[in-house]
Every structure is written in structure tokens, then in C-alpha cells.
N, C-alpha and C. Protein backbone atom coordinates (compact mmCIF):
# COMPACT_ATOMS: atom_id res chain seq x y z
N UNK A 1 31.52 -23.70 8.96
CA UNK A 1 30.75 -23.51 7.76
C UNK A 1 30.45 -22.02 7.60
N UNK A 2 30.56 -21.49 6.39
CA UNK A 2 30.36 -20.07 6.13
C UNK A 2 28.89 -19.69 6.14
N UNK A 3 28.66 -18.41 6.27
CA UNK A 3 27.31 -17.88 6.24
C UNK A 3 26.97 -17.52 4.80
N UNK A 4 25.82 -17.98 4.37
CA UNK A 4 25.38 -17.69 3.01
C UNK A 4 24.52 -16.42 3.03
N UNK A 5 24.83 -15.48 2.17
CA UNK A 5 24.04 -14.26 2.10
C UNK A 5 23.31 -14.21 0.77
N UNK A 6 22.06 -13.81 0.84
CA UNK A 6 21.26 -13.70 -0.38
C UNK A 6 21.68 -12.45 -1.14
N UNK A 7 21.80 -12.59 -2.44
CA UNK A 7 22.06 -11.41 -3.24
C UNK A 7 20.72 -10.75 -3.55
N UNK A 8 20.76 -9.47 -3.76
CA UNK A 8 19.54 -8.73 -4.00
C UNK A 8 19.64 -8.05 -5.35
N UNK A 9 18.75 -8.39 -6.23
CA UNK A 9 18.69 -7.77 -7.53
C UNK A 9 17.56 -6.76 -7.50
N UNK A 10 17.86 -5.54 -7.82
CA UNK A 10 16.85 -4.50 -7.80
C UNK A 10 16.77 -3.85 -9.16
N UNK A 11 15.61 -3.93 -9.75
CA UNK A 11 15.37 -3.24 -11.01
C UNK A 11 14.34 -2.18 -10.70
N UNK A 12 14.77 -0.93 -10.71
CA UNK A 12 13.86 0.15 -10.32
C UNK A 12 13.46 0.96 -11.54
N UNK A 13 12.39 1.65 -11.39
CA UNK A 13 11.87 2.47 -12.47
C UNK A 13 12.89 3.51 -12.92
N UNK A 14 12.94 3.80 -14.21
CA UNK A 14 13.93 4.74 -14.73
C UNK A 14 13.59 6.21 -14.45
N UNK A 15 12.52 6.49 -13.75
CA UNK A 15 12.09 7.86 -13.51
C UNK A 15 12.35 8.27 -12.07
N UNK A 16 13.52 7.93 -11.56
CA UNK A 16 13.82 8.15 -10.15
C UNK A 16 13.86 9.62 -9.75
N UNK A 17 14.02 10.53 -10.70
CA UNK A 17 14.08 11.94 -10.35
C UNK A 17 12.73 12.60 -10.14
N UNK A 18 11.65 11.90 -10.43
CA UNK A 18 10.32 12.49 -10.30
C UNK A 18 9.84 12.47 -8.85
N UNK A 19 8.97 13.42 -8.49
CA UNK A 19 8.43 13.42 -7.12
C UNK A 19 7.56 12.19 -6.87
N UNK A 20 7.31 11.92 -5.59
CA UNK A 20 6.58 10.72 -5.21
C UNK A 20 5.67 11.01 -4.02
N UNK A 21 4.59 10.26 -3.96
CA UNK A 21 3.72 10.25 -2.79
C UNK A 21 4.16 9.17 -1.80
N UNK A 22 5.34 8.62 -2.00
CA UNK A 22 5.83 7.53 -1.15
C UNK A 22 5.88 7.89 0.32
N UNK A 23 6.35 9.10 0.64
CA UNK A 23 6.39 9.52 2.05
C UNK A 23 4.99 9.63 2.63
N UNK A 24 4.07 10.16 1.84
CA UNK A 24 2.68 10.27 2.29
C UNK A 24 2.10 8.89 2.56
N UNK A 25 2.36 7.96 1.64
CA UNK A 25 1.86 6.59 1.81
C UNK A 25 2.45 5.94 3.05
N UNK A 26 3.77 6.06 3.23
CA UNK A 26 4.44 5.45 4.38
C UNK A 26 3.92 6.02 5.70
N UNK A 27 3.75 7.34 5.75
CA UNK A 27 3.24 7.98 6.97
C UNK A 27 1.81 7.53 7.26
N UNK A 28 0.97 7.51 6.21
CA UNK A 28 -0.42 7.08 6.41
C UNK A 28 -0.47 5.64 6.90
N UNK A 29 0.33 4.77 6.31
CA UNK A 29 0.35 3.36 6.72
C UNK A 29 0.77 3.23 8.18
N UNK A 30 1.80 3.98 8.60
CA UNK A 30 2.28 3.90 9.99
C UNK A 30 1.24 4.44 10.98
N UNK A 31 0.49 5.47 10.56
CA UNK A 31 -0.50 6.08 11.45
C UNK A 31 -1.84 5.33 11.45
N UNK A 32 -2.15 4.63 10.35
CA UNK A 32 -3.49 4.09 10.17
C UNK A 32 -3.58 2.58 10.23
N UNK A 33 -2.45 1.88 10.11
CA UNK A 33 -2.47 0.42 10.03
C UNK A 33 -1.58 -0.20 11.10
N UNK A 34 -1.89 -1.45 11.43
CA UNK A 34 -1.07 -2.21 12.37
C UNK A 34 -0.69 -3.54 11.73
N UNK A 35 0.34 -4.17 12.27
CA UNK A 35 0.74 -5.49 11.81
C UNK A 35 -0.32 -6.51 12.22
N UNK A 36 -0.48 -7.51 11.38
CA UNK A 36 -1.38 -8.61 11.67
C UNK A 36 -0.68 -9.68 12.50
N UNK A 37 -1.18 -10.91 12.46
CA UNK A 37 -0.62 -11.99 13.26
C UNK A 37 0.89 -12.16 13.06
N UNK A 38 1.58 -12.36 14.16
CA UNK A 38 3.04 -12.53 14.12
C UNK A 38 3.68 -11.81 15.29
N UNK A 39 5.00 -11.70 15.24
CA UNK A 39 5.76 -11.09 16.34
C UNK A 39 5.40 -9.62 16.58
N UNK A 40 4.98 -8.91 15.54
CA UNK A 40 4.71 -7.48 15.66
C UNK A 40 3.22 -7.15 15.71
N UNK A 41 2.39 -8.14 15.93
CA UNK A 41 0.94 -7.94 15.89
C UNK A 41 0.51 -6.76 16.75
N UNK A 42 -0.32 -5.88 16.14
CA UNK A 42 -0.87 -4.74 16.85
C UNK A 42 0.01 -3.50 16.84
N UNK A 43 1.28 -3.64 16.46
CA UNK A 43 2.18 -2.48 16.40
C UNK A 43 1.98 -1.73 15.09
N UNK A 44 2.29 -0.43 15.06
CA UNK A 44 2.13 0.34 13.82
C UNK A 44 2.90 -0.29 12.66
N UNK A 45 2.28 -0.30 11.50
CA UNK A 45 2.87 -0.89 10.30
C UNK A 45 3.94 0.05 9.75
N UNK A 46 5.17 -0.42 9.72
CA UNK A 46 6.30 0.37 9.21
C UNK A 46 6.92 -0.38 8.05
N UNK A 47 7.23 0.35 7.00
CA UNK A 47 7.83 -0.25 5.81
C UNK A 47 9.30 -0.53 6.03
N UNK A 48 9.75 -1.73 5.59
CA UNK A 48 11.17 -2.06 5.57
C UNK A 48 11.82 -1.33 4.41
N UNK A 49 13.14 -1.41 4.31
CA UNK A 49 13.88 -0.71 3.26
C UNK A 49 13.41 -1.01 1.85
N UNK A 50 13.31 -2.30 1.49
CA UNK A 50 12.90 -2.64 0.12
C UNK A 50 11.44 -2.27 -0.12
N UNK A 51 10.61 -2.36 0.93
CA UNK A 51 9.21 -1.98 0.80
C UNK A 51 9.09 -0.47 0.57
N UNK A 52 9.91 0.27 1.29
CA UNK A 52 9.90 1.74 1.17
C UNK A 52 10.31 2.15 -0.25
N UNK A 53 11.36 1.50 -0.79
CA UNK A 53 11.80 1.79 -2.16
C UNK A 53 10.68 1.47 -3.15
N UNK A 54 10.02 0.34 -2.95
CA UNK A 54 8.93 -0.08 -3.83
C UNK A 54 7.80 0.95 -3.80
N UNK A 55 7.40 1.37 -2.61
CA UNK A 55 6.33 2.36 -2.46
C UNK A 55 6.75 3.70 -3.07
N UNK A 56 7.98 4.08 -2.83
CA UNK A 56 8.50 5.35 -3.37
C UNK A 56 8.39 5.37 -4.89
N UNK A 57 8.78 4.26 -5.53
CA UNK A 57 8.71 4.18 -6.98
C UNK A 57 7.27 4.04 -7.47
N UNK A 58 6.47 3.27 -6.76
CA UNK A 58 5.09 3.03 -7.16
C UNK A 58 4.28 4.32 -7.22
N UNK A 59 4.56 5.24 -6.31
CA UNK A 59 3.77 6.47 -6.22
C UNK A 59 4.45 7.69 -6.84
N UNK A 60 5.41 7.48 -7.77
CA UNK A 60 6.01 8.61 -8.48
C UNK A 60 4.97 9.22 -9.42
N UNK A 61 5.05 10.55 -9.57
CA UNK A 61 4.08 11.23 -10.44
C UNK A 61 4.75 12.30 -11.28
N UNK A 62 4.09 12.62 -12.37
CA UNK A 62 4.56 13.66 -13.28
C UNK A 62 4.19 15.02 -12.66
N UNK A 63 5.18 15.87 -12.36
CA UNK A 63 4.87 17.14 -11.70
C UNK A 63 4.06 18.10 -12.57
N UNK A 64 4.00 17.87 -13.87
CA UNK A 64 3.21 18.74 -14.76
C UNK A 64 1.73 18.37 -14.74
N UNK A 65 1.45 17.06 -14.67
CA UNK A 65 0.06 16.60 -14.76
C UNK A 65 -0.51 16.06 -13.46
N UNK A 66 0.35 15.68 -12.52
CA UNK A 66 -0.11 15.06 -11.28
C UNK A 66 -0.46 13.59 -11.44
N UNK A 67 -0.27 13.05 -12.64
CA UNK A 67 -0.61 11.64 -12.89
C UNK A 67 0.57 10.75 -12.52
N UNK A 68 0.24 9.59 -12.02
CA UNK A 68 1.29 8.62 -11.70
C UNK A 68 1.97 8.13 -12.97
N UNK A 69 3.26 7.85 -12.85
CA UNK A 69 4.00 7.38 -14.02
C UNK A 69 4.12 5.87 -14.04
N UNK A 70 3.85 5.21 -12.94
CA UNK A 70 3.92 3.75 -12.87
C UNK A 70 2.48 3.21 -12.88
N UNK A 71 2.16 2.44 -13.87
CA UNK A 71 0.81 1.88 -14.01
C UNK A 71 0.74 0.44 -13.50
N UNK A 72 1.84 -0.30 -13.64
CA UNK A 72 1.90 -1.68 -13.16
C UNK A 72 3.24 -1.89 -12.48
N UNK A 73 3.23 -2.72 -11.46
CA UNK A 73 4.47 -3.00 -10.74
C UNK A 73 4.51 -4.46 -10.34
N UNK A 74 5.69 -4.98 -10.23
CA UNK A 74 5.90 -6.36 -9.82
C UNK A 74 6.98 -6.38 -8.75
N UNK A 75 6.68 -7.05 -7.65
CA UNK A 75 7.65 -7.19 -6.57
C UNK A 75 7.92 -8.67 -6.38
N UNK A 76 9.16 -9.06 -6.54
CA UNK A 76 9.54 -10.46 -6.34
C UNK A 76 10.58 -10.57 -5.25
N UNK A 77 10.18 -11.08 -4.11
CA UNK A 77 11.10 -11.33 -3.00
C UNK A 77 10.77 -12.69 -2.40
N UNK A 78 11.69 -13.21 -1.63
CA UNK A 78 11.53 -14.55 -1.07
C UNK A 78 10.35 -14.63 -0.10
N UNK A 79 9.90 -15.84 0.12
CA UNK A 79 8.83 -16.12 1.08
C UNK A 79 9.23 -15.56 2.45
N UNK A 80 8.25 -15.06 3.17
CA UNK A 80 8.52 -14.55 4.52
C UNK A 80 8.92 -13.09 4.57
N UNK A 81 8.76 -12.36 3.47
CA UNK A 81 9.12 -10.94 3.45
C UNK A 81 7.91 -10.02 3.48
N UNK A 82 6.79 -10.51 3.96
CA UNK A 82 5.56 -9.72 4.17
C UNK A 82 5.00 -9.13 2.89
N UNK A 83 5.05 -9.89 1.80
CA UNK A 83 4.47 -9.41 0.54
C UNK A 83 2.96 -9.24 0.66
N UNK A 84 2.29 -10.20 1.29
CA UNK A 84 0.83 -10.11 1.43
C UNK A 84 0.43 -8.90 2.27
N UNK A 85 1.15 -8.64 3.33
CA UNK A 85 0.86 -7.49 4.18
C UNK A 85 1.12 -6.19 3.42
N UNK A 86 2.18 -6.16 2.61
CA UNK A 86 2.46 -4.97 1.82
C UNK A 86 1.33 -4.73 0.81
N UNK A 87 0.89 -5.79 0.15
CA UNK A 87 -0.23 -5.65 -0.79
C UNK A 87 -1.48 -5.15 -0.06
N UNK A 88 -1.75 -5.70 1.10
CA UNK A 88 -2.92 -5.25 1.88
C UNK A 88 -2.78 -3.78 2.26
N UNK A 89 -1.58 -3.37 2.66
CA UNK A 89 -1.35 -1.97 3.03
C UNK A 89 -1.57 -1.04 1.84
N UNK A 90 -1.07 -1.42 0.66
CA UNK A 90 -1.26 -0.62 -0.55
C UNK A 90 -2.75 -0.55 -0.88
N UNK A 91 -3.44 -1.69 -0.82
CA UNK A 91 -4.88 -1.71 -1.11
C UNK A 91 -5.65 -0.79 -0.16
N UNK A 92 -5.32 -0.84 1.12
CA UNK A 92 -6.01 0.02 2.10
C UNK A 92 -5.68 1.49 1.88
N UNK A 93 -4.43 1.79 1.51
CA UNK A 93 -4.06 3.17 1.19
C UNK A 93 -4.86 3.67 -0.01
N UNK A 94 -5.01 2.81 -1.02
CA UNK A 94 -5.79 3.18 -2.20
C UNK A 94 -7.28 3.37 -1.85
N UNK A 95 -7.77 2.59 -0.91
CA UNK A 95 -9.17 2.69 -0.49
C UNK A 95 -9.44 3.93 0.34
N UNK A 96 -8.57 4.21 1.32
CA UNK A 96 -8.91 5.19 2.34
C UNK A 96 -7.86 6.28 2.57
N UNK A 97 -6.71 6.16 1.93
CA UNK A 97 -5.65 7.12 2.15
C UNK A 97 -5.60 8.21 1.08
N UNK A 98 -4.78 9.23 1.30
CA UNK A 98 -4.64 10.33 0.33
C UNK A 98 -3.70 9.94 -0.82
N UNK A 99 -4.24 9.20 -1.79
CA UNK A 99 -3.40 8.58 -2.82
C UNK A 99 -3.50 9.23 -4.20
N UNK A 100 -4.32 10.26 -4.36
CA UNK A 100 -4.40 10.98 -5.63
C UNK A 100 -4.09 12.46 -5.37
N UNK A 101 -3.80 13.19 -6.44
CA UNK A 101 -3.35 14.57 -6.29
C UNK A 101 -4.33 15.56 -6.91
N UNK A 102 -4.45 16.71 -6.26
CA UNK A 102 -5.13 17.86 -6.85
C UNK A 102 -4.15 19.02 -6.81
N UNK A 103 -4.33 19.95 -7.74
CA UNK A 103 -3.42 21.09 -7.80
C UNK A 103 -4.12 22.34 -7.28
N UNK A 104 -3.39 23.09 -6.47
CA UNK A 104 -3.89 24.35 -5.95
C UNK A 104 -2.69 25.30 -5.81
N UNK A 105 -2.83 26.50 -6.34
CA UNK A 105 -1.77 27.50 -6.28
C UNK A 105 -0.44 26.96 -6.81
N UNK A 106 -0.51 26.16 -7.86
CA UNK A 106 0.70 25.64 -8.48
C UNK A 106 1.37 24.50 -7.74
N UNK A 107 0.76 24.01 -6.67
CA UNK A 107 1.33 22.89 -5.90
C UNK A 107 0.36 21.72 -5.92
N UNK A 108 0.92 20.52 -5.75
CA UNK A 108 0.11 19.30 -5.73
C UNK A 108 -0.13 18.89 -4.28
N UNK A 109 -1.38 18.52 -4.00
CA UNK A 109 -1.76 18.08 -2.66
C UNK A 109 -2.46 16.72 -2.74
N UNK A 110 -2.10 15.80 -1.85
CA UNK A 110 -2.75 14.47 -1.88
C UNK A 110 -4.13 14.52 -1.21
N UNK A 111 -5.07 13.82 -1.83
CA UNK A 111 -6.42 13.68 -1.27
C UNK A 111 -6.86 12.22 -1.44
N UNK A 112 -7.97 11.85 -0.80
CA UNK A 112 -8.53 10.51 -0.96
C UNK A 112 -9.25 10.41 -2.29
N UNK A 113 -9.31 9.19 -2.83
CA UNK A 113 -10.11 8.95 -4.03
C UNK A 113 -11.58 9.19 -3.71
N UNK A 114 -12.34 9.62 -4.72
CA UNK A 114 -13.76 9.89 -4.50
C UNK A 114 -14.55 8.62 -4.23
N UNK A 115 -14.40 7.61 -5.06
CA UNK A 115 -15.19 6.37 -4.90
C UNK A 115 -14.38 5.19 -5.43
N UNK A 116 -13.36 4.77 -4.70
CA UNK A 116 -12.51 3.69 -5.20
C UNK A 116 -13.18 2.32 -5.13
N UNK A 117 -12.85 1.49 -6.10
CA UNK A 117 -13.26 0.09 -6.10
C UNK A 117 -11.96 -0.70 -6.23
N UNK A 118 -11.47 -1.22 -5.12
CA UNK A 118 -10.15 -1.85 -5.07
C UNK A 118 -10.29 -3.37 -5.05
N UNK A 119 -10.02 -4.04 -6.17
CA UNK A 119 -10.10 -5.50 -6.16
C UNK A 119 -8.85 -6.11 -5.50
N UNK A 120 -9.04 -7.21 -4.82
CA UNK A 120 -7.90 -7.96 -4.28
C UNK A 120 -7.72 -9.16 -5.21
N UNK A 121 -6.67 -9.11 -6.02
CA UNK A 121 -6.42 -10.15 -7.01
C UNK A 121 -5.17 -10.94 -6.65
N UNK A 122 -5.21 -12.21 -6.93
CA UNK A 122 -4.06 -13.08 -6.65
C UNK A 122 -4.15 -14.29 -7.57
N UNK A 123 -3.10 -15.09 -7.55
CA UNK A 123 -3.04 -16.28 -8.41
C UNK A 123 -4.04 -17.35 -7.98
N UNK A 124 -4.47 -17.31 -6.73
CA UNK A 124 -5.43 -18.29 -6.24
C UNK A 124 -6.40 -17.62 -5.27
N UNK A 125 -7.54 -18.25 -5.07
CA UNK A 125 -8.51 -17.75 -4.11
C UNK A 125 -7.89 -17.72 -2.71
N UNK A 126 -7.10 -18.74 -2.39
CA UNK A 126 -6.49 -18.84 -1.07
C UNK A 126 -5.57 -17.67 -0.80
N UNK A 127 -4.78 -17.29 -1.82
CA UNK A 127 -3.86 -16.18 -1.61
C UNK A 127 -4.62 -14.85 -1.51
N UNK A 128 -5.64 -14.67 -2.33
CA UNK A 128 -6.46 -13.46 -2.25
C UNK A 128 -7.09 -13.37 -0.86
N UNK A 129 -7.54 -14.51 -0.34
CA UNK A 129 -8.13 -14.54 0.99
C UNK A 129 -7.09 -14.20 2.06
N UNK A 130 -5.85 -14.63 1.86
CA UNK A 130 -4.76 -14.30 2.78
C UNK A 130 -4.52 -12.79 2.81
N UNK A 131 -4.47 -12.17 1.63
CA UNK A 131 -4.25 -10.72 1.55
C UNK A 131 -5.43 -9.98 2.18
N UNK A 132 -6.64 -10.39 1.85
CA UNK A 132 -7.81 -9.72 2.40
C UNK A 132 -7.90 -9.92 3.91
N UNK A 133 -7.56 -11.11 4.37
CA UNK A 133 -7.55 -11.37 5.81
C UNK A 133 -6.56 -10.47 6.53
N UNK A 134 -5.39 -10.26 5.92
CA UNK A 134 -4.40 -9.35 6.50
C UNK A 134 -4.97 -7.94 6.55
N UNK A 135 -5.63 -7.51 5.47
CA UNK A 135 -6.20 -6.16 5.43
C UNK A 135 -7.24 -5.97 6.53
N UNK A 136 -8.06 -6.98 6.76
CA UNK A 136 -9.10 -6.87 7.80
C UNK A 136 -8.50 -6.63 9.17
N UNK A 137 -7.38 -7.27 9.44
CA UNK A 137 -6.72 -7.10 10.74
C UNK A 137 -5.94 -5.79 10.79
N UNK A 138 -5.24 -5.47 9.70
CA UNK A 138 -4.37 -4.30 9.66
C UNK A 138 -5.13 -2.99 9.79
N UNK A 139 -6.39 -2.94 9.38
CA UNK A 139 -7.14 -1.68 9.40
C UNK A 139 -7.80 -1.42 10.75
N UNK A 140 -7.46 -2.17 11.77
CA UNK A 140 -8.07 -2.01 13.09
C UNK A 140 -8.05 -0.57 13.61
N UNK A 141 -6.94 0.20 13.48
CA UNK A 141 -6.94 1.57 14.00
C UNK A 141 -7.95 2.50 13.31
N UNK A 142 -8.34 2.19 12.08
CA UNK A 142 -9.30 3.05 11.37
C UNK A 142 -10.64 2.34 11.18
N UNK A 143 -10.88 1.30 11.95
CA UNK A 143 -12.10 0.50 11.82
C UNK A 143 -13.36 1.33 12.04
N UNK A 144 -13.27 2.41 12.81
CA UNK A 144 -14.41 3.28 13.03
C UNK A 144 -14.84 4.02 11.77
N UNK A 145 -13.95 4.09 10.78
CA UNK A 145 -14.24 4.79 9.52
C UNK A 145 -14.62 3.81 8.41
N UNK A 146 -14.54 2.51 8.71
CA UNK A 146 -14.80 1.48 7.71
C UNK A 146 -15.80 0.46 8.23
N UNK A 147 -16.52 -0.16 7.31
CA UNK A 147 -17.33 -1.33 7.63
C UNK A 147 -16.55 -2.54 7.13
N UNK A 148 -16.17 -3.41 8.03
CA UNK A 148 -15.33 -4.57 7.69
C UNK A 148 -16.19 -5.82 7.74
N UNK A 149 -16.32 -6.48 6.58
CA UNK A 149 -17.11 -7.70 6.46
C UNK A 149 -16.18 -8.86 6.11
N UNK A 150 -16.74 -10.06 6.01
CA UNK A 150 -15.94 -11.25 5.67
C UNK A 150 -15.23 -11.11 4.32
N UNK A 151 -15.89 -10.58 3.32
CA UNK A 151 -15.34 -10.53 1.97
C UNK A 151 -15.25 -9.13 1.39
N UNK A 152 -15.46 -8.10 2.21
CA UNK A 152 -15.43 -6.74 1.69
C UNK A 152 -15.16 -5.76 2.81
N UNK A 153 -14.44 -4.70 2.48
CA UNK A 153 -14.24 -3.56 3.38
C UNK A 153 -14.79 -2.35 2.65
N UNK A 154 -15.67 -1.61 3.33
CA UNK A 154 -16.29 -0.43 2.72
C UNK A 154 -16.03 0.78 3.59
N UNK A 155 -15.95 1.94 2.96
CA UNK A 155 -15.96 3.18 3.72
C UNK A 155 -17.35 3.35 4.31
N UNK A 156 -17.42 3.85 5.53
CA UNK A 156 -18.73 4.02 6.20
C UNK A 156 -19.64 4.95 5.42
N UNK A 157 -19.07 5.96 4.75
CA UNK A 157 -19.92 6.87 3.99
C UNK A 157 -20.39 6.25 2.68
N UNK A 158 -19.97 5.02 2.41
CA UNK A 158 -20.47 4.27 1.26
C UNK A 158 -19.89 4.64 -0.09
N UNK A 159 -18.74 5.33 -0.11
CA UNK A 159 -18.18 5.78 -1.38
C UNK A 159 -16.96 5.00 -1.86
N UNK A 160 -16.71 3.88 -1.29
CA UNK A 160 -15.57 3.08 -1.73
C UNK A 160 -15.58 1.71 -1.09
N UNK A 161 -14.95 0.75 -1.80
CA UNK A 161 -14.92 -0.62 -1.26
C UNK A 161 -13.68 -1.34 -1.75
N UNK A 162 -13.35 -2.37 -1.00
CA UNK A 162 -12.22 -3.25 -1.33
C UNK A 162 -12.71 -4.68 -1.22
């Protein structure tokens, strides 16, 4: 019997030539987050190929204004491809990582948001709880900088929450 291979349809943003904070996001995630329950539990969170492409496109910005060009994104992949963990990683990056830009001497530099309010939204309460539960476990390496509660993660300095 032959091996069946899944085809992959990729529809990417038409602004592929613009700069991106994707590398910054990927590095921060690998340094600051760990995998949750599963075979890789406790190991640094590393983006797979399709996840890396998604992050690269998600964080593209206009080099003239420093504003992101992607306002909404949709990722559709089969069950078991760590979508919930990816969402949790993006949410944590938005909460505590250098995800916005400031300009100095004609160059853009990533900094943390001043006071982010990051909602965890999903089609059901159960799925939102799954994403938030993953985030609670994944942020273990930076737990000293965050207050982690059952239904909320806050920066210790009180200027942001998820």
C-alpha cells in the first residue's frame, strides 16, 4: 500500500518584501518559552517551518512608519500541529516580548508594549482554556517576571495582562 502525503496549500501575504520582526519573535520565544505537556515538555519552544513562515508574515512592518501591515491572520492546519501552543506563544510575545517598534537614528528597534491587554479568544470556552493553559506552562522560564493566575497572566510591574 502506498504512502499518502498531505498537500500543503499556502496563501501568504502579498507584502513579502517588507521587513519583519519574525526573527525577533522566534528568538524571544526560544529564549523565554518552553513546550508544554508532550514529548518536548520543558524544552525551549522552537518554531517549525510553517510556524516560522506564519510568524514572519504576521510581524511584517512598513519601514516608513514602523506599523505592522498585517492586522488579521488566519492559520488553518490539521489537528496535532501545535496551533494552540503557537497562539499561546504569540499571546505571550505580545504581552511580554519586544513586539512594537520605535525609531532612533533612522533605524527601527523592537521594544515591549507599554500596557498590553491581550485577550485569549477562541470558538469555545474550552478551547480558550486550552490556549491559556498552554500559556501558563510555556511561560515557566519567565515566571519570575509575571504573576500567573488561573485565568490571567500579568506582568509583575502591573502594566499588562493576558
